[in-house]
Amino acid sequence: MVSTEFLALQNQTAAQLFHTCLIAYIDPGTGSYLFQLLIAALLGAGFAVRTIRRRILDLLLAIGRSRKPPIEASAEPDEPSPTPRQNELSE
């Protein structure tokens, strides 16, 4: 049989190895501070995503504009088409 002194020593050693008693104090203001951090992180991430998305869109639009073929100007300007009122007067 195992002596009771050995079991007591074994239990004491186990308690020292696996200390489960935690002493911590969380101030009541900590919850509001953590909430403030969460809101700030979400707003900052949203602003960063919006800024990055806008920069990428501007870059793609600039690339699209540079790839369009130039419009050739004709030597003579086109005559403006007559308005419906001018058509009635000429007839």
N, C-alpha and C. Protein backbone atom coordinates (compact mmCIF):
# COMPACT_ATOMS: atom_id res chain seq x y z
N MET A 1 0.83 -1.19 0.00
CA MET A 1 0.00 0.00 0.00
C MET A 1 0.87 1.24 0.00
N VAL A 2 0.30 2.28 -0.52
CA VAL A 2 1.00 3.55 -0.57
C VAL A 2 0.66 4.30 0.70
N SER A 3 1.68 4.88 1.28
CA SER A 3 1.45 5.59 2.54
C SER A 3 0.70 6.88 2.28
N THR A 4 -0.02 7.33 3.28
CA THR A 4 -0.79 8.57 3.16
C THR A 4 0.12 9.78 3.08
N GLU A 5 1.30 9.68 3.67
CA GLU A 5 2.24 10.80 3.59
C GLU A 5 2.71 11.01 2.15
N PHE A 6 2.93 9.92 1.44
CA PHE A 6 3.35 10.02 0.04
C PHE A 6 2.24 10.66 -0.80
N LEU A 7 0.99 10.24 -0.58
CA LEU A 7 -0.13 10.81 -1.33
C LEU A 7 -0.29 12.30 -1.03
N ALA A 8 -0.10 12.68 0.21
CA ALA A 8 -0.23 14.09 0.58
C ALA A 8 0.87 14.90 -0.10
N LEU A 9 2.09 14.36 -0.13
CA LEU A 9 3.20 15.05 -0.78
C LEU A 9 2.96 15.13 -2.29
N GLN A 10 2.42 14.09 -2.86
CA GLN A 10 2.14 14.07 -4.29
C GLN A 10 1.05 15.10 -4.63
N ASN A 11 0.02 15.21 -3.83
CA ASN A 11 -1.05 16.18 -4.07
C ASN A 11 -0.52 17.61 -3.93
N GLN A 12 0.35 17.83 -2.96
CA GLN A 12 0.91 19.16 -2.75
C GLN A 12 1.79 19.55 -3.94
N THR A 13 2.57 18.64 -4.46
CA THR A 13 3.43 18.91 -5.61
C THR A 13 2.57 19.20 -6.84
N ALA A 14 1.52 18.44 -7.04
CA ALA A 14 0.64 18.66 -8.18
C ALA A 14 -0.02 20.04 -8.08
N ALA A 15 -0.39 20.44 -6.89
CA ALA A 15 -1.01 21.75 -6.71
C ALA A 15 -0.02 22.87 -7.03
N GLN A 16 1.23 22.66 -6.71
CA GLN A 16 2.24 23.68 -7.02
C GLN A 16 2.52 23.74 -8.52
N LEU A 17 2.49 22.59 -9.19
CA LEU A 17 2.75 22.56 -10.62
C LEU A 17 1.59 23.15 -11.42
N PHE A 18 0.39 22.85 -11.01
CA PHE A 18 -0.79 23.30 -11.74
C PHE A 18 -1.57 24.29 -10.88
N HIS A 19 -1.01 25.44 -10.71
CA HIS A 19 -1.62 26.48 -9.87
C HIS A 19 -2.83 27.04 -10.62
N THR A 20 -4.01 26.84 -10.08
CA THR A 20 -5.22 27.26 -10.76
C THR A 20 -5.83 28.53 -10.18
N CYS A 21 -5.35 28.97 -9.08
CA CYS A 21 -5.90 30.17 -8.46
C CYS A 21 -5.28 31.40 -9.11
N LEU A 22 -6.09 32.16 -9.82
CA LEU A 22 -5.61 33.37 -10.46
C LEU A 22 -6.16 34.57 -9.71
N ILE A 23 -5.31 35.51 -9.47
CA ILE A 23 -5.74 36.73 -8.80
C ILE A 23 -5.62 37.84 -9.83
N ALA A 24 -6.76 38.35 -10.27
CA ALA A 24 -6.77 39.41 -11.27
C ALA A 24 -7.91 40.36 -10.95
N TYR A 25 -7.70 41.61 -11.29
CA TYR A 25 -8.72 42.62 -11.07
C TYR A 25 -8.97 43.32 -12.40
N ILE A 26 -10.20 43.29 -12.82
CA ILE A 26 -10.57 44.00 -14.05
C ILE A 26 -11.41 45.20 -13.63
N ASP A 27 -10.89 46.35 -13.93
CA ASP A 27 -11.56 47.60 -13.60
C ASP A 27 -12.86 47.72 -14.39
N PRO A 28 -13.90 48.31 -13.84
CA PRO A 28 -15.14 48.47 -14.59
C PRO A 28 -14.97 49.27 -15.89
N GLY A 29 -14.01 50.16 -15.96
CA GLY A 29 -13.77 50.94 -17.16
C GLY A 29 -13.08 50.15 -18.26
N THR A 30 -12.60 48.97 -17.95
CA THR A 30 -11.88 48.16 -18.93
C THR A 30 -12.80 47.73 -20.07
N GLY A 31 -14.03 47.40 -19.76
CA GLY A 31 -14.98 46.99 -20.80
C GLY A 31 -15.23 48.10 -21.81
N SER A 32 -15.41 49.31 -21.32
CA SER A 32 -15.65 50.42 -22.25
C SER A 32 -14.39 50.73 -23.05
N TYR A 33 -13.22 50.55 -22.44
CA TYR A 33 -11.97 50.77 -23.16
C TYR A 33 -11.80 49.73 -24.27
N LEU A 34 -12.10 48.48 -23.97
CA LEU A 34 -12.00 47.43 -24.99
C LEU A 34 -13.02 47.66 -26.10
N PHE A 35 -14.21 48.13 -25.74
CA PHE A 35 -15.22 48.46 -26.74
C PHE A 35 -14.74 49.60 -27.63
N GLN A 36 -14.10 50.60 -27.03
CA GLN A 36 -13.56 51.73 -27.79
C GLN A 36 -12.47 51.25 -28.75
N LEU A 37 -11.60 50.35 -28.29
CA LEU A 37 -10.56 49.80 -29.16
C LEU A 37 -11.17 49.03 -30.34
N LEU A 38 -12.21 48.27 -30.07
CA LEU A 38 -12.87 47.50 -31.13
C LEU A 38 -13.49 48.43 -32.17
N ILE A 39 -14.19 49.47 -31.72
CA ILE A 39 -14.81 50.41 -32.66
C ILE A 39 -13.74 51.13 -33.47
N ALA A 40 -12.65 51.56 -32.82
CA ALA A 40 -11.58 52.25 -33.53
C ALA A 40 -10.93 51.34 -34.57
N ALA A 41 -10.74 50.07 -34.22
CA ALA A 41 -10.14 49.13 -35.17
C ALA A 41 -11.05 48.91 -36.38
N LEU A 42 -12.35 48.79 -36.14
CA LEU A 42 -13.29 48.59 -37.25
C LEU A 42 -13.35 49.82 -38.15
N LEU A 43 -13.40 51.00 -37.56
CA LEU A 43 -13.44 52.22 -38.37
C LEU A 43 -12.13 52.41 -39.14
N GLY A 44 -11.01 52.14 -38.50
CA GLY A 44 -9.72 52.26 -39.17
C GLY A 44 -9.60 51.28 -40.33
N ALA A 45 -10.06 50.05 -40.12
CA ALA A 45 -10.00 49.06 -41.20
C ALA A 45 -10.92 49.47 -42.35
N GLY A 46 -12.09 49.99 -42.03
CA GLY A 46 -13.00 50.45 -43.08
C GLY A 46 -12.42 51.59 -43.88
N PHE A 47 -11.79 52.54 -43.20
CA PHE A 47 -11.17 53.66 -43.90
C PHE A 47 -10.02 53.18 -44.78
N ALA A 48 -9.21 52.24 -44.26
CA ALA A 48 -8.09 51.72 -45.04
C ALA A 48 -8.58 50.99 -46.29
N VAL A 49 -9.62 50.18 -46.15
CA VAL A 49 -10.16 49.45 -47.30
C VAL A 49 -10.72 50.43 -48.33
N ARG A 50 -11.42 51.46 -47.86
CA ARG A 50 -11.99 52.45 -48.79
C ARG A 50 -10.89 53.18 -49.54
N THR A 51 -9.83 53.56 -48.83
CA THR A 51 -8.73 54.28 -49.45
C THR A 51 -8.00 53.41 -50.47
N ILE A 52 -7.71 52.18 -50.11
CA ILE A 52 -7.01 51.27 -51.01
C ILE A 52 -7.87 50.97 -52.24
N ARG A 53 -9.18 50.75 -52.02
CA ARG A 53 -10.08 50.48 -53.14
C ARG A 53 -10.12 51.67 -54.10
N ARG A 54 -10.15 52.87 -53.56
CA ARG A 54 -10.20 54.07 -54.41
C ARG A 54 -8.91 54.22 -55.21
N ARG A 55 -7.77 53.94 -54.58
CA ARG A 55 -6.49 54.05 -55.30
C ARG A 55 -6.39 53.02 -56.42
N ILE A 56 -6.85 51.81 -56.17
CA ILE A 56 -6.83 50.78 -57.21
C ILE A 56 -7.76 51.17 -58.35
N LEU A 57 -8.94 51.68 -58.02
CA LEU A 57 -9.88 52.10 -59.06
C LEU A 57 -9.31 53.25 -59.88
N ASP A 58 -8.67 54.23 -59.23
CA ASP A 58 -8.04 55.33 -59.96
C ASP A 58 -6.94 54.82 -60.89
N LEU A 59 -6.15 53.86 -60.41
CA LEU A 59 -5.09 53.29 -61.23
C LEU A 59 -5.66 52.58 -62.45
N LEU A 60 -6.69 51.79 -62.25
CA LEU A 60 -7.30 51.08 -63.38
C LEU A 60 -7.94 52.04 -64.37
N LEU A 61 -8.56 53.10 -63.87
CA LEU A 61 -9.14 54.09 -64.77
C LEU A 61 -8.05 54.82 -65.57
N ALA A 62 -6.93 55.11 -64.93
CA ALA A 62 -5.83 55.78 -65.63
C ALA A 62 -5.25 54.86 -66.71
N ILE A 63 -5.14 53.58 -66.41
CA ILE A 63 -4.64 52.63 -67.41
C ILE A 63 -5.63 52.54 -68.57
N GLY A 64 -6.93 52.50 -68.25
CA GLY A 64 -7.95 52.43 -69.30
C GLY A 64 -7.95 53.66 -70.19
N ARG A 65 -7.74 54.83 -69.61
CA ARG A 65 -7.71 56.06 -70.40
C ARG A 65 -6.49 56.10 -71.32
N SER A 66 -5.37 55.58 -70.86
CA SER A 66 -4.15 55.64 -71.67
C SER A 66 -4.18 54.65 -72.83
N ARG A 67 -5.03 53.64 -72.77
CA ARG A 67 -5.08 52.63 -73.84
C ARG A 67 -6.08 52.97 -74.93
N LYS A 68 -6.91 54.01 -74.76
CA LYS A 68 -7.87 54.37 -75.79
C LYS A 68 -7.14 54.97 -76.98
N PRO A 69 -7.55 54.61 -78.21
CA PRO A 69 -6.90 55.22 -79.39
C PRO A 69 -7.30 56.68 -79.49
N PRO A 70 -6.40 57.51 -79.95
CA PRO A 70 -6.75 58.94 -80.07
C PRO A 70 -7.80 59.14 -81.14
N ILE A 71 -8.66 60.11 -80.92
CA ILE A 71 -9.72 60.43 -81.89
C ILE A 71 -9.11 61.32 -82.96
N GLU A 72 -9.28 60.91 -84.23
CA GLU A 72 -8.72 61.69 -85.33
C GLU A 72 -9.67 62.83 -85.66
N ALA A 73 -9.14 64.03 -85.74
CA ALA A 73 -9.96 65.19 -86.08
C ALA A 73 -10.11 65.26 -87.58
N SER A 74 -11.32 65.49 -88.06
CA SER A 74 -11.53 65.61 -89.50
C SER A 74 -11.10 67.00 -89.95
N ALA A 75 -10.77 67.13 -91.23
CA ALA A 75 -10.29 68.40 -91.76
C ALA A 75 -11.40 69.44 -91.76
N GLU A 76 -12.62 69.02 -92.13
CA GLU A 76 -13.74 69.95 -92.16
C GLU A 76 -14.73 69.57 -91.07
N PRO A 77 -15.20 70.55 -90.35
CA PRO A 77 -16.19 70.21 -89.33
C PRO A 77 -17.51 69.82 -89.98
N ASP A 78 -18.20 68.91 -89.36
CA ASP A 78 -19.50 68.48 -89.88
C ASP A 78 -20.51 69.61 -89.76
N GLU A 79 -21.42 69.66 -90.74
CA GLU A 79 -22.49 70.65 -90.67
C GLU A 79 -23.48 70.20 -89.61
N PRO A 80 -23.97 71.12 -88.84
CA PRO A 80 -24.95 70.71 -87.84
C PRO A 80 -26.23 70.25 -88.53
N SER A 81 -26.83 69.25 -87.98
CA SER A 81 -28.06 68.74 -88.59
C SER A 81 -29.18 69.74 -88.33
N PRO A 82 -30.06 69.90 -89.29
CA PRO A 82 -31.14 70.87 -89.11
C PRO A 82 -32.11 70.41 -88.04
N THR A 83 -32.63 71.35 -87.33
CA THR A 83 -33.61 71.03 -86.29
C THR A 83 -34.94 70.76 -86.96
N PRO A 84 -35.86 70.11 -86.31
CA PRO A 84 -37.16 69.83 -86.91
C PRO A 84 -37.88 71.12 -87.32
N ARG A 85 -37.70 72.19 -86.61
CA ARG A 85 -38.35 73.47 -86.96
C ARG A 85 -37.78 74.00 -88.27
N GLN A 86 -36.48 73.85 -88.49
CA GLN A 86 -35.88 74.31 -89.74
C GLN A 86 -36.38 73.48 -90.92
N ASN A 87 -36.63 72.20 -90.70
CA ASN A 87 -37.17 71.35 -91.76
C ASN A 87 -38.55 71.82 -92.18
N GLU A 88 -39.37 72.23 -91.23
CA GLU A 88 -40.71 72.69 -91.54
C GLU A 88 -40.67 73.99 -92.35
N LEU A 89 -39.74 74.87 -92.01
CA LEU A 89 -39.66 76.16 -92.69
C LEU A 89 -39.16 76.02 -94.12
N SER A 90 -38.29 75.07 -94.37
CA SER A 90 -37.73 74.92 -95.71
C SER A 90 -38.71 74.24 -96.65
N GLU A 91 -39.69 73.58 -96.17
CA GLU A 91 -40.65 72.87 -97.04
C GLU A 91 -41.78 73.73 -97.46
